[in-house]
PDB file of N, CA and C in Angstrom:
ATOM      1  N   UNK A   1       4.048 -33.652   4.004  1.00  0.00           N
ATOM      2  CA  UNK A   1       4.389 -33.271   2.638  1.00  0.00           C
ATOM      3  C   UNK A   1       5.858 -33.534   2.374  1.00  0.00           C
ATOM      4  N   UNK A   2       6.138 -33.954   1.193  1.00  0.00           N
ATOM      5  CA  UNK A   2       7.538 -34.189   0.835  1.00  0.00           C
ATOM      6  C   UNK A   2       8.181 -32.866   0.396  1.00  0.00           C
ATOM      7  N   UNK A   3       9.492 -32.884   0.285  1.00  0.00           N
ATOM      8  CA  UNK A   3      10.223 -31.686  -0.132  1.00  0.00           C
ATOM      9  C   UNK A   3       9.815 -31.285  -1.550  1.00  0.00           C
ATOM     10  N   UNK A   4       9.612 -32.268  -2.408  1.00  0.00           N
ATOM     11  CA  UNK A   4       9.220 -31.976  -3.788  1.00  0.00           C
ATOM     12  C   UNK A   4       7.833 -31.332  -3.841  1.00  0.00           C
ATOM     13  N   UNK A   5       6.915 -31.828  -3.053  1.00  0.00           N
ATOM     14  CA  UNK A   5       5.557 -31.283  -3.017  1.00  0.00           C
ATOM     15  C   UNK A   5       5.599 -29.847  -2.475  1.00  0.00           C
ATOM     16  N   UNK A   6       6.443 -29.587  -1.469  1.00  0.00           N
ATOM     17  CA  UNK A   6       6.568 -28.252  -0.920  1.00  0.00           C
ATOM     18  C   UNK A   6       7.140 -27.296  -1.948  1.00  0.00           C
ATOM     19  N   UNK A   7       8.175 -27.711  -2.677  1.00  0.00           N
ATOM     20  CA  UNK A   7       8.774 -26.863  -3.693  1.00  0.00           C
ATOM     21  C   UNK A   7       7.767 -26.563  -4.807  1.00  0.00           C
ATOM     22  N   UNK A   8       7.021 -27.599  -5.235  1.00  0.00           N
ATOM     23  CA  UNK A   8       6.051 -27.403  -6.286  1.00  0.00           C
ATOM     24  C   UNK A   8       4.969 -26.426  -5.827  1.00  0.00           C
ATOM     25  N   UNK A   9       4.468 -26.596  -4.609  1.00  0.00           N
ATOM     26  CA  UNK A   9       3.442 -25.700  -4.076  1.00  0.00           C
ATOM     27  C   UNK A   9       3.973 -24.273  -3.959  1.00  0.00           C
ATOM     28  N   UNK A  10       5.194 -24.095  -3.520  1.00  0.00           N
ATOM     29  CA  UNK A  10       5.759 -22.757  -3.335  1.00  0.00           C
ATOM     30  C   UNK A  10       6.036 -22.076  -4.663  1.00  0.00           C
ATOM     31  N   UNK A  11       6.328 -22.857  -5.712  1.00  0.00           N
ATOM     32  CA  UNK A  11       6.679 -22.245  -6.990  1.00  0.00           C
ATOM     33  C   UNK A  11       5.477 -21.926  -7.859  1.00  0.00           C
ATOM     34  N   UNK A  12       4.292 -22.410  -7.485  1.00  0.00           N
ATOM     35  CA  UNK A  12       3.095 -22.125  -8.261  1.00  0.00           C
ATOM     36  C   UNK A  12       2.660 -20.704  -7.983  1.00  0.00           C
ATOM     37  N   UNK A  13       2.558 -19.924  -9.068  1.00  0.00           N
ATOM     38  CA  UNK A  13       2.147 -18.524  -8.903  1.00  0.00           C
ATOM     39  C   UNK A  13       0.637 -18.430  -8.962  1.00  0.00           C
ATOM     40  N   UNK A  14       0.072 -17.598  -8.091  1.00  0.00           N
ATOM     41  CA  UNK A  14      -1.381 -17.416  -8.177  1.00  0.00           C
ATOM     42  C   UNK A  14      -1.751 -16.677  -9.453  1.00  0.00           C
ATOM     43  N   UNK A  15      -2.977 -16.842  -9.936  1.00  0.00           N
ATOM     44  CA  UNK A  15      -3.362 -16.149 -11.180  1.00  0.00           C
ATOM     45  C   UNK A  15      -3.355 -14.637 -11.003  1.00  0.00           C
ATOM     46  N   UNK A  16      -3.121 -13.921 -12.072  1.00  0.00           N
ATOM     47  CA  UNK A  16      -3.116 -12.461 -12.031  1.00  0.00           C
ATOM     48  C   UNK A  16      -4.544 -11.975 -11.948  1.00  0.00           C
ATOM     49  N   UNK A  17      -4.748 -10.844 -11.314  1.00  0.00           N
ATOM     50  CA  UNK A  17      -6.066 -10.244 -11.192  1.00  0.00           C
ATOM     51  C   UNK A  17      -6.122  -9.089 -12.181  1.00  0.00           C
ATOM     52  N   UNK A  18      -6.905  -9.279 -13.239  1.00  0.00           N
ATOM     53  CA  UNK A  18      -6.971  -8.303 -14.327  1.00  0.00           C
ATOM     54  C   UNK A  18      -7.364  -6.915 -13.864  1.00  0.00           C
ATOM     55  N   UNK A  19      -8.341  -6.822 -12.973  1.00  0.00           N
ATOM     56  CA  UNK A  19      -8.793  -5.516 -12.494  1.00  0.00           C
ATOM     57  C   UNK A  19      -7.675  -4.790 -11.753  1.00  0.00           C
ATOM     58  N   UNK A  20      -6.910  -5.523 -10.954  1.00  0.00           N
ATOM     59  CA  UNK A  20      -5.808  -4.910 -10.217  1.00  0.00           C
ATOM     60  C   UNK A  20      -4.710  -4.460 -11.176  1.00  0.00           C
ATOM     61  N   UNK A  21      -4.399  -5.272 -12.177  1.00  0.00           N
ATOM     62  CA  UNK A  21      -3.399  -4.882 -13.167  1.00  0.00           C
ATOM     63  C   UNK A  21      -3.845  -3.645 -13.952  1.00  0.00           C
ATOM     64  N   UNK A  22      -5.129  -3.589 -14.285  1.00  0.00           N
ATOM     65  CA  UNK A  22      -5.672  -2.444 -15.001  1.00  0.00           C
ATOM     66  C   UNK A  22      -5.617  -1.190 -14.142  1.00  0.00           C
ATOM     67  N   UNK A  23      -5.986  -1.319 -12.877  1.00  0.00           N
ATOM     68  CA  UNK A  23      -5.935  -0.169 -11.967  1.00  0.00           C
ATOM     69  C   UNK A  23      -4.500   0.341 -11.818  1.00  0.00           C
ATOM     70  N   UNK A  24      -3.548  -0.588 -11.711  1.00  0.00           N
ATOM     71  CA  UNK A  24      -2.140  -0.174 -11.604  1.00  0.00           C
ATOM     72  C   UNK A  24      -1.697   0.534 -12.889  1.00  0.00           C
ATOM     73  N   UNK A  25      -2.105   0.049 -14.033  1.00  0.00           N
ATOM     74  CA  UNK A  25      -1.762   0.708 -15.299  1.00  0.00           C
ATOM     75  C   UNK A  25      -2.361   2.092 -15.414  1.00  0.00           C
ATOM     76  N   UNK A  26      -3.626   2.233 -15.000  1.00  0.00           N
ATOM     77  CA  UNK A  26      -4.268   3.535 -15.024  1.00  0.00           C
ATOM     78  C   UNK A  26      -3.547   4.510 -14.088  1.00  0.00           C
ATOM     79  N   UNK A  27      -3.172   4.020 -12.900  1.00  0.00           N
ATOM     80  CA  UNK A  27      -2.441   4.870 -11.946  1.00  0.00           C
ATOM     81  C   UNK A  27      -1.093   5.305 -12.533  1.00  0.00           C
ATOM     82  N   UNK A  28      -0.406   4.416 -13.217  1.00  0.00           N
ATOM     83  CA  UNK A  28       0.865   4.775 -13.839  1.00  0.00           C
ATOM     84  C   UNK A  28       0.677   5.789 -14.958  1.00  0.00           C
ATOM     85  N   UNK A  29      -0.363   5.624 -15.755  1.00  0.00           N
ATOM     86  CA  UNK A  29      -0.649   6.607 -16.808  1.00  0.00           C
ATOM     87  C   UNK A  29      -0.996   7.974 -16.203  1.00  0.00           C
ATOM     88  N   UNK A  30      -1.780   7.962 -15.139  1.00  0.00           N
ATOM     89  CA  UNK A  30      -2.137   9.208 -14.469  1.00  0.00           C
ATOM     90  C   UNK A  30      -0.872   9.871 -13.911  1.00  0.00           C
ATOM     91  N   UNK A  31       0.034   9.074 -13.347  1.00  0.00           N
ATOM     92  CA  UNK A  31       1.293   9.617 -12.814  1.00  0.00           C
ATOM     93  C   UNK A  31       2.105  10.242 -13.940  1.00  0.00           C
ATOM     94  N   UNK A  32       2.126   9.596 -15.079  1.00  0.00           N
ATOM     95  CA  UNK A  32       2.878  10.141 -16.224  1.00  0.00           C
ATOM     96  C   UNK A  32       2.266  11.462 -16.697  1.00  0.00           C
ATOM     97  N   UNK A  33       0.942  11.566 -16.705  1.00  0.00           N
ATOM     98  CA  UNK A  33       0.326  12.830 -17.146  1.00  0.00           C
ATOM     99  C   UNK A  33       0.616  13.960 -16.163  1.00  0.00           C
ATOM    100  N   UNK A  34       0.590  13.645 -14.873  1.00  0.00           N
ATOM    101  CA  UNK A  34       0.928  14.671 -13.883  1.00  0.00           C
ATOM    102  C   UNK A  34       2.375  15.131 -14.064  1.00  0.00           C
ATOM    103  N   UNK A  35       3.285  14.180 -14.206  1.00  0.00           N
ATOM    104  CA  UNK A  35       4.691  14.550 -14.337  1.00  0.00           C
ATOM    105  C   UNK A  35       4.980  15.284 -15.637  1.00  0.00           C
ATOM    106  N   UNK A  36       4.183  15.013 -16.682  1.00  0.00           N
ATOM    107  CA  UNK A  36       4.303  15.761 -17.912  1.00  0.00           C
ATOM    108  C   UNK A  36       3.940  17.230 -17.652  1.00  0.00           C
ATOM    109  N   UNK A  37       2.908  17.460 -16.866  1.00  0.00           N
ATOM    110  CA  UNK A  37       2.535  18.829 -16.509  1.00  0.00           C
ATOM    111  C   UNK A  37       3.683  19.490 -15.729  1.00  0.00           C
ATOM    112  N   UNK A  38       4.262  18.748 -14.805  1.00  0.00           N
ATOM    113  CA  UNK A  38       5.391  19.292 -14.036  1.00  0.00           C
ATOM    114  C   UNK A  38       6.558  19.622 -14.969  1.00  0.00           C
ATOM    115  N   UNK A  39       6.842  18.744 -15.925  1.00  0.00           N
ATOM    116  CA  UNK A  39       7.920  19.010 -16.886  1.00  0.00           C
ATOM    117  C   UNK A  39       7.631  20.240 -17.729  1.00  0.00           C
ATOM    118  N   UNK A  40       6.401  20.395 -18.151  1.00  0.00           N
ATOM    119  CA  UNK A  40       6.030  21.579 -18.957  1.00  0.00           C
ATOM    120  C   UNK A  40       6.226  22.854 -18.141  1.00  0.00           C
ATOM    121  N   UNK A  41       5.922  22.809 -16.858  1.00  0.00           N
ATOM    122  CA  UNK A  41       6.166  23.957 -15.986  1.00  0.00           C
ATOM    123  C   UNK A  41       7.670  24.204 -15.824  1.00  0.00           C
ATOM    124  N   UNK A  42       8.435  23.139 -15.643  1.00  0.00           N
ATOM    125  CA  UNK A  42       9.882  23.254 -15.478  1.00  0.00           C
ATOM    126  C   UNK A  42      10.543  23.868 -16.711  1.00  0.00           C
ATOM    127  N   UNK A  43      10.035  23.533 -17.894  1.00  0.00           N
ATOM    128  CA  UNK A  43      10.604  24.051 -19.132  1.00  0.00           C
ATOM    129  C   UNK A  43      10.064  25.433 -19.503  1.00  0.00           C
ATOM    130  N   UNK A  44       9.147  25.967 -18.689  1.00  0.00           N
ATOM    131  CA  UNK A  44       8.662  27.315 -18.920  1.00  0.00           C
ATOM    132  C   UNK A  44       7.441  27.431 -19.806  1.00  0.00           C
ATOM    133  N   UNK A  45       6.820  26.311 -20.154  1.00  0.00           N
ATOM    134  CA  UNK A  45       5.615  26.347 -20.993  1.00  0.00           C
ATOM    135  C   UNK A  45       4.359  26.612 -20.187  1.00  0.00           C
ATOM    136  N   UNK A  46       4.416  26.402 -18.878  1.00  0.00           N
ATOM    137  CA  UNK A  46       3.303  26.702 -17.991  1.00  0.00           C
ATOM    138  C   UNK A  46       3.791  27.650 -16.893  1.00  0.00           C
ATOM    139  N   UNK A  47       2.912  28.455 -16.330  1.00  0.00           N
ATOM    140  CA  UNK A  47       3.324  29.384 -15.258  1.00  0.00           C
ATOM    141  C   UNK A  47       3.872  28.625 -14.036  1.00  0.00           C
ATOM    142  N   UNK A  48       4.835  29.220 -13.349  1.00  0.00           N
ATOM    143  CA  UNK A  48       5.385  28.592 -12.134  1.00  0.00           C
ATOM    144  C   UNK A  48       4.286  28.299 -11.112  1.00  0.00           C
ATOM    145  N   UNK A  49       4.353  27.151 -10.513  1.00  0.00           N
ATOM    146  CA  UNK A  49       3.400  26.761  -9.490  1.00  0.00           C
ATOM    147  C   UNK A  49       2.173  26.051 -10.011  1.00  0.00           C
ATOM    148  N   UNK A  50       2.055  25.897 -11.321  1.00  0.00           N
ATOM    149  CA  UNK A  50       0.872  25.265 -11.889  1.00  0.00           C
ATOM    150  C   UNK A  50       0.668  23.836 -11.376  1.00  0.00           C
ATOM    151  N   UNK A  51       1.718  23.058 -11.332  1.00  0.00           N
ATOM    152  CA  UNK A  51       1.610  21.651 -10.944  1.00  0.00           C
ATOM    153  C   UNK A  51       1.397  21.472  -9.459  1.00  0.00           C
ATOM    154  N   UNK A  52       1.628  22.524  -8.662  1.00  0.00           N
ATOM    155  CA  UNK A  52       1.512  22.382  -7.193  1.00  0.00           C
ATOM    156  C   UNK A  52       0.290  23.070  -6.617  1.00  0.00           C
ATOM    157  N   UNK A  53      -0.609  23.542  -7.472  1.00  0.00           N
ATOM    158  CA  UNK A  53      -1.778  24.269  -6.962  1.00  0.00           C
ATOM    159  C   UNK A  53      -3.054  23.742  -7.599  1.00  0.00           C
ATOM    160  N   UNK A  54      -4.178  24.102  -6.997  1.00  0.00           N
ATOM    161  CA  UNK A  54      -5.482  23.793  -7.554  1.00  0.00           C
ATOM    162  C   UNK A  54      -5.751  22.316  -7.720  1.00  0.00           C
ATOM    163  N   UNK A  55      -6.452  22.011  -8.805  1.00  0.00           N
ATOM    164  CA  UNK A  55      -6.852  20.625  -9.061  1.00  0.00           C
ATOM    165  C   UNK A  55      -5.687  19.714  -9.319  1.00  0.00           C
ATOM    166  N   UNK A  56      -4.576  20.269  -9.855  1.00  0.00           N
ATOM    167  CA  UNK A  56      -3.402  19.404 -10.100  1.00  0.00           C
ATOM    168  C   UNK A  56      -2.773  18.920  -8.796  1.00  0.00           C
ATOM    169  N   UNK A  57      -2.852  19.729  -7.753  1.00  0.00           N
ATOM    170  CA  UNK A  57      -2.349  19.291  -6.428  1.00  0.00           C
ATOM    171  C   UNK A  57      -3.211  18.125  -5.932  1.00  0.00           C
ATOM    172  N   UNK A  58      -4.515  18.252  -6.064  1.00  0.00           N
ATOM    173  CA  UNK A  58      -5.419  17.162  -5.663  1.00  0.00           C
ATOM    174  C   UNK A  58      -5.193  15.927  -6.541  1.00  0.00           C
ATOM    175  N   UNK A  59      -4.990  16.141  -7.826  1.00  0.00           N
ATOM    176  CA  UNK A  59      -4.726  15.050  -8.773  1.00  0.00           C
ATOM    177  C   UNK A  59      -3.492  14.275  -8.349  1.00  0.00           C
ATOM    178  N   UNK A  60      -2.424  15.009  -8.004  1.00  0.00           N
ATOM    179  CA  UNK A  60      -1.186  14.365  -7.579  1.00  0.00           C
ATOM    180  C   UNK A  60      -1.380  13.537  -6.306  1.00  0.00           C
ATOM    181  N   UNK A  61      -2.117  14.093  -5.363  1.00  0.00           N
ATOM    182  CA  UNK A  61      -2.355  13.359  -4.103  1.00  0.00           C
ATOM    183  C   UNK A  61      -3.206  12.117  -4.342  1.00  0.00           C
ATOM    184  N   UNK A  62      -4.214  12.261  -5.207  1.00  0.00           N
ATOM    185  CA  UNK A  62      -5.073  11.101  -5.523  1.00  0.00           C
ATOM    186  C   UNK A  62      -4.278  10.010  -6.227  1.00  0.00           C
ATOM    187  N   UNK A  63      -3.405  10.396  -7.147  1.00  0.00           N
ATOM    188  CA  UNK A  63      -2.588   9.420  -7.869  1.00  0.00           C
ATOM    189  C   UNK A  63      -1.678   8.697  -6.888  1.00  0.00           C
ATOM    190  N   UNK A  64      -0.969   9.454  -6.052  1.00  0.00           N
ATOM    191  CA  UNK A  64      -0.043   8.828  -5.104  1.00  0.00           C
ATOM    192  C   UNK A  64      -0.770   7.890  -4.141  1.00  0.00           C
ATOM    193  N   UNK A  65      -1.891   8.343  -3.625  1.00  0.00           N
ATOM    194  CA  UNK A  65      -2.664   7.506  -2.689  1.00  0.00           C
ATOM    195  C   UNK A  65      -3.156   6.237  -3.354  1.00  0.00           C
ATOM    196  N   UNK A  66      -3.703   6.377  -4.549  1.00  0.00           N
ATOM    197  CA  UNK A  66      -4.216   5.219  -5.267  1.00  0.00           C
ATOM    198  C   UNK A  66      -3.097   4.239  -5.587  1.00  0.00           C
ATOM    199  N   UNK A  67      -1.974   4.767  -6.094  1.00  0.00           N
ATOM    200  CA  UNK A  67      -0.867   3.892  -6.469  1.00  0.00           C
ATOM    201  C   UNK A  67      -0.325   3.159  -5.237  1.00  0.00           C
ATOM    202  N   UNK A  68      -0.132   3.852  -4.140  1.00  0.00           N
ATOM    203  CA  UNK A  68       0.391   3.195  -2.941  1.00  0.00           C
ATOM    204  C   UNK A  68      -0.564   2.164  -2.387  1.00  0.00           C
ATOM    205  N   UNK A  69      -1.873   2.442  -2.457  1.00  0.00           N
ATOM    206  CA  UNK A  69      -2.877   1.462  -2.031  1.00  0.00           C
ATOM    207  C   UNK A  69      -2.790   0.201  -2.889  1.00  0.00           C
ATOM    208  N   UNK A  70      -2.714   0.386  -4.204  1.00  0.00           N
ATOM    209  CA  UNK A  70      -2.636  -0.761  -5.124  1.00  0.00           C
ATOM    210  C   UNK A  70      -1.356  -1.565  -4.880  1.00  0.00           C
ATOM    211  N   UNK A  71      -0.256  -0.861  -4.658  1.00  0.00           N
ATOM    212  CA  UNK A  71       1.005  -1.570  -4.374  1.00  0.00           C
ATOM    213  C   UNK A  71       0.885  -2.375  -3.086  1.00  0.00           C
ATOM    214  N   UNK A  72       0.254  -1.800  -2.072  1.00  0.00           N
ATOM    215  CA  UNK A  72       0.063  -2.536  -0.819  1.00  0.00           C
ATOM    216  C   UNK A  72      -0.777  -3.769  -0.978  1.00  0.00           C
ATOM    217  N   UNK A  73      -1.896  -3.647  -1.712  1.00  0.00           N
ATOM    218  CA  UNK A  73      -2.748  -4.803  -1.970  1.00  0.00           C
ATOM    219  C   UNK A  73      -1.967  -5.858  -2.750  1.00  0.00           C
ATOM    220  N   UNK A  74      -1.222  -5.429  -3.761  1.00  0.00           N
ATOM    221  CA  UNK A  74      -0.439  -6.369  -4.553  1.00  0.00           C
ATOM    222  C   UNK A  74       0.613  -7.078  -3.711  1.00  0.00           C
ATOM    223  N   UNK A  75       1.238  -6.357  -2.803  1.00  0.00           N
ATOM    224  CA  UNK A  75       2.268  -6.952  -1.934  1.00  0.00           C
ATOM    225  C   UNK A  75       1.652  -8.022  -1.040  1.00  0.00           C
ATOM    226  N   UNK A  76       0.494  -7.731  -0.481  1.00  0.00           N
ATOM    227  CA  UNK A  76      -0.188  -8.725   0.357  1.00  0.00           C
ATOM    228  C   UNK A  76      -0.574  -9.961  -0.468  1.00  0.00           C
ATOM    229  N   UNK A  77      -1.165  -9.728  -1.637  1.00  0.00           N
ATOM    230  CA  UNK A  77      -1.568 -10.869  -2.463  1.00  0.00           C
ATOM    231  C   UNK A  77      -0.383 -11.712  -2.910  1.00  0.00           C
ATOM    232  N   UNK A  78       0.743 -11.053  -3.218  1.00  0.00           N
ATOM    233  CA  UNK A  78       1.933 -11.789  -3.684  1.00  0.00           C
ATOM    234  C   UNK A  78       2.577 -12.587  -2.563  1.00  0.00           C
ATOM    235  N   UNK A  79       2.341 -12.194  -1.325  1.00  0.00           N
ATOM    236  CA  UNK A  79       3.003 -12.854  -0.210  1.00  0.00           C
ATOM    237  C   UNK A  79       2.061 -13.596   0.716  1.00  0.00           C
ATOM    238  N   UNK A  80       0.916 -14.031   0.180  1.00  0.00           N
ATOM    239  CA  UNK A  80      -0.013 -14.816   0.975  1.00  0.00           C
ATOM    240  C   UNK A  80       0.078 -16.263   0.511  1.00  0.00           C
ATOM    241  N   UNK A  81       0.219 -17.230   1.341  1.00  0.00           N
ATOM    242  CA  UNK A  81       0.086 -17.244   2.792  1.00  0.00           C
ATOM    243  C   UNK A  81       1.387 -16.944   3.543  1.00  0.00           C
ATOM    244  N   UNK A  82       2.506 -16.821   2.857  1.00  0.00           N
ATOM    245  CA  UNK A  82       3.766 -16.537   3.539  1.00  0.00           C
ATOM    246  C   UNK A  82       4.588 -15.584   2.700  1.00  0.00           C
ATOM    247  N   UNK A  83       5.455 -14.849   3.351  1.00  0.00           N
ATOM    248  CA  UNK A  83       6.296 -13.874   2.662  1.00  0.00           C
ATOM    249  C   UNK A  83       7.350 -14.623   1.851  1.00  0.00           C
ATOM    250  N   UNK A  84       7.482 -14.225   0.607  1.00  0.00           N
ATOM    251  CA  UNK A  84       8.499 -14.808  -0.264  1.00  0.00           C
ATOM    252  C   UNK A  84       9.677 -13.813  -0.292  1.00  0.00           C
ATOM    253  N   UNK A  85      10.646 -14.031   0.557  1.00  0.00           N
ATOM    254  CA  UNK A  85      11.715 -13.050   0.767  1.00  0.00           C
ATOM    255  C   UNK A  85      12.616 -12.863  -0.446  1.00  0.00           C
ATOM    256  N   UNK A  86      12.942 -13.938  -1.131  1.00  0.00           N
ATOM    257  CA  UNK A  86      13.870 -13.803  -2.283  1.00  0.00           C
ATOM    258  C   UNK A  86      13.302 -12.881  -3.369  1.00  0.00           C
ATOM    259  N   UNK A  87      12.074 -13.077  -3.839  1.00  0.00           N
ATOM    260  CA  UNK A  87      11.518 -12.139  -4.845  1.00  0.00           C
ATOM    261  C   UNK A  87      11.361 -10.720  -4.275  1.00  0.00           C
ATOM    262  N   UNK A  88      11.020 -10.604  -2.986  1.00  0.00           N
ATOM    263  CA  UNK A  88      10.875  -9.282  -2.383  1.00  0.00           C
ATOM    264  C   UNK A  88      12.200  -8.522  -2.435  1.00  0.00           C
ATOM    265  N   UNK A  89      13.284  -9.153  -1.999  1.00  0.00           N
ATOM    266  CA  UNK A  89      14.579  -8.458  -1.975  1.00  0.00           C
ATOM    267  C   UNK A  89      15.118  -8.224  -3.379  1.00  0.00           C
ATOM    268  N   UNK A  90      14.784  -9.117  -4.320  1.00  0.00           N
ATOM    269  CA  UNK A  90      15.200  -8.916  -5.693  1.00  0.00           C
ATOM    270  C   UNK A  90      14.546  -7.650  -6.263  1.00  0.00           C
ATOM    271  N   UNK A  91      13.237  -7.525  -6.077  1.00  0.00           N
ATOM    272  CA  UNK A  91      12.521  -6.321  -6.559  1.00  0.00           C
ATOM    273  C   UNK A  91      13.004  -5.085  -5.824  1.00  0.00           C
ATOM    274  N   UNK A  92      13.237  -5.209  -4.525  1.00  0.00           N
ATOM    275  CA  UNK A  92      13.731  -4.079  -3.739  1.00  0.00           C
ATOM    276  C   UNK A  92      15.080  -3.609  -4.281  1.00  0.00           C
ATOM    277  N   UNK A  93      15.957  -4.558  -4.576  1.00  0.00           N
ATOM    278  CA  UNK A  93      17.276  -4.235  -5.137  1.00  0.00           C
ATOM    279  C   UNK A  93      17.156  -3.533  -6.498  1.00  0.00           C
ATOM    280  N   UNK A  94      16.222  -3.989  -7.329  1.00  0.00           N
ATOM    281  CA  UNK A  94      16.040  -3.358  -8.639  1.00  0.00           C
ATOM    282  C   UNK A  94      15.551  -1.918  -8.480  1.00  0.00           C
ATOM    283  N   UNK A  95      14.648  -1.706  -7.520  1.00  0.00           N
ATOM    284  CA  UNK A  95      14.138  -0.362  -7.268  1.00  0.00           C
ATOM    285  C   UNK A  95      15.253   0.555  -6.757  1.00  0.00           C
ATOM    286  N   UNK A  96      16.057   0.052  -5.844  1.00  0.00           N
ATOM    287  CA  UNK A  96      17.187   0.844  -5.307  1.00  0.00           C
ATOM    288  C   UNK A  96      18.178   1.161  -6.425  1.00  0.00           C
ATOM    289  N   UNK A  97      18.482   0.176  -7.275  1.00  0.00           N
ATOM    290  CA  UNK A  97      19.425   0.413  -8.371  1.00  0.00           C
ATOM    291  C   UNK A  97      18.883   1.457  -9.353  1.00  0.00           C
ATOM    292  N   UNK A  98      17.601   1.374  -9.664  1.00  0.00           N
ATOM    293  CA  UNK A  98      16.994   2.345 -10.587  1.00  0.00           C
ATOM    294  C   UNK A  98      16.983   3.739  -9.960  1.00  0.00           C
ATOM    295  N   UNK A  99      16.675   3.838  -8.675  1.00  0.00           N
ATOM    296  CA  UNK A  99      16.678   5.136  -8.000  1.00  0.00           C
ATOM    297  C   UNK A  99      18.076   5.742  -7.972  1.00  0.00           C
ATOM    298  N   UNK A 100      19.090   4.916  -7.705  1.00  0.00           N
ATOM    299  CA  UNK A 100      20.467   5.412  -7.720  1.00  0.00           C
ATOM    300  C   UNK A 100      20.870   5.860  -9.110  1.00  0.00           C
ATOM    301  N   UNK A 101      20.506   5.091 -10.130  1.00  0.00           N
ATOM    302  CA  UNK A 101      20.859   5.462 -11.492  1.00  0.00           C
ATOM    303  C   UNK A 101      20.207   6.795 -11.881  1.00  0.00           C
ATOM    304  N   UNK A 102      18.950   6.966 -11.541  1.00  0.00           N
ATOM    305  CA  UNK A 102      18.263   8.228 -11.835  1.00  0.00           C
ATOM    306  C   UNK A 102      18.909   9.384 -11.078  1.00  0.00           C
ATOM    307  N   UNK A 103      19.262   9.151  -9.834  1.00  0.00           N
ATOM    308  CA  UNK A 103      19.922  10.188  -9.029  1.00  0.00           C
ATOM    309  C   UNK A 103      21.273  10.603  -9.613  1.00  0.00           C
ATOM    310  N   UNK A 104      22.051   9.627 -10.050  1.00  0.00           N
ATOM    311  CA  UNK A 104      23.395   9.921 -10.626  1.00  0.00           C
ATOM    312  C   UNK A 104      23.220  10.694 -11.930  1.00  0.00           C
ATOM    313  N   UNK A 105      22.300  10.246 -12.789  1.00  0.00           N
ATOM    314  CA  UNK A 105      22.084  10.935 -14.053  1.00  0.00           C
ATOM    315  C   UNK A 105      21.570  12.346 -13.809  1.00  0.00           C
ATOM    316  N   UNK A 106      20.635  12.508 -12.880  1.00  0.00           N
ATOM    317  CA  UNK A 106      20.109  13.827 -12.575  1.00  0.00           C
ATOM    318  C   UNK A 106      21.196  14.742 -12.055  1.00  0.00           C
ATOM    319  N   UNK A 107      22.044  14.226 -11.202  1.00  0.00           N
ATOM    320  CA  UNK A 107      23.157  15.024 -10.648  1.00  0.00           C
ATOM    321  C   UNK A 107      24.102  15.454 -11.763  1.00  0.00           C
ATOM    322  N   UNK A 108      24.338  14.559 -12.730  1.00  0.00           N
ATOM    323  CA  UNK A 108      25.229  14.852 -13.839  1.00  0.00           C
ATOM    324  C   UNK A 108      24.617  15.891 -14.791  1.00  0.00           C
ATOM    325  N   UNK A 109      23.326  15.706 -15.133  1.00  0.00           N
ATOM    326  CA  UNK A 109      22.659  16.579 -16.086  1.00  0.00           C
ATOM    327  C   UNK A 109      22.347  17.945 -15.476  1.00  0.00           C
ATOM    328  N   UNK A 110      21.948  17.951 -14.197  1.00  0.00           N
ATOM    329  CA  UNK A 110      21.595  19.195 -13.509  1.00  0.00           C
ATOM    330  C   UNK A 110      22.482  19.347 -12.270  1.00  0.00           C
ATOM    331  N   UNK A 111      23.727  19.730 -12.442  1.00  0.00           N
ATOM    332  CA  UNK A 111      24.657  19.763 -11.304  1.00  0.00           C
ATOM    333  C   UNK A 111      24.268  20.750 -10.221  1.00  0.00           C
ATOM    334  N   UNK A 112      23.545  21.807 -10.559  1.00  0.00           N
ATOM    335  CA  UNK A 112      23.148  22.813  -9.561  1.00  0.00           C
ATOM    336  C   UNK A 112      21.987  22.356  -8.749  1.00  0.00           C
TER     337      UNK A 112
END
């Protein structure tokens, strides 16, 4: 294979899998609903411990498990037949930057 053929082959993205994208979207919506419940508890609209007990505790575990499974499948699909390090580290850097920004803002807004 020539260098041009290798570059062309490496730059071709595989088609998106609609079912996987839909499952990821549903998991994100479920995560948002759970965190909304947690926020309502934090603001005093729900009794303390509501988000950490009963069916909401199971809901949270199911959401986290499902989301992590989908992320794992997506990571494997995105890096088959070989790991694409540049996009991996780019996404990793964006996640780290977002986590740091959220941590700084949280520390500023809620210093205690």
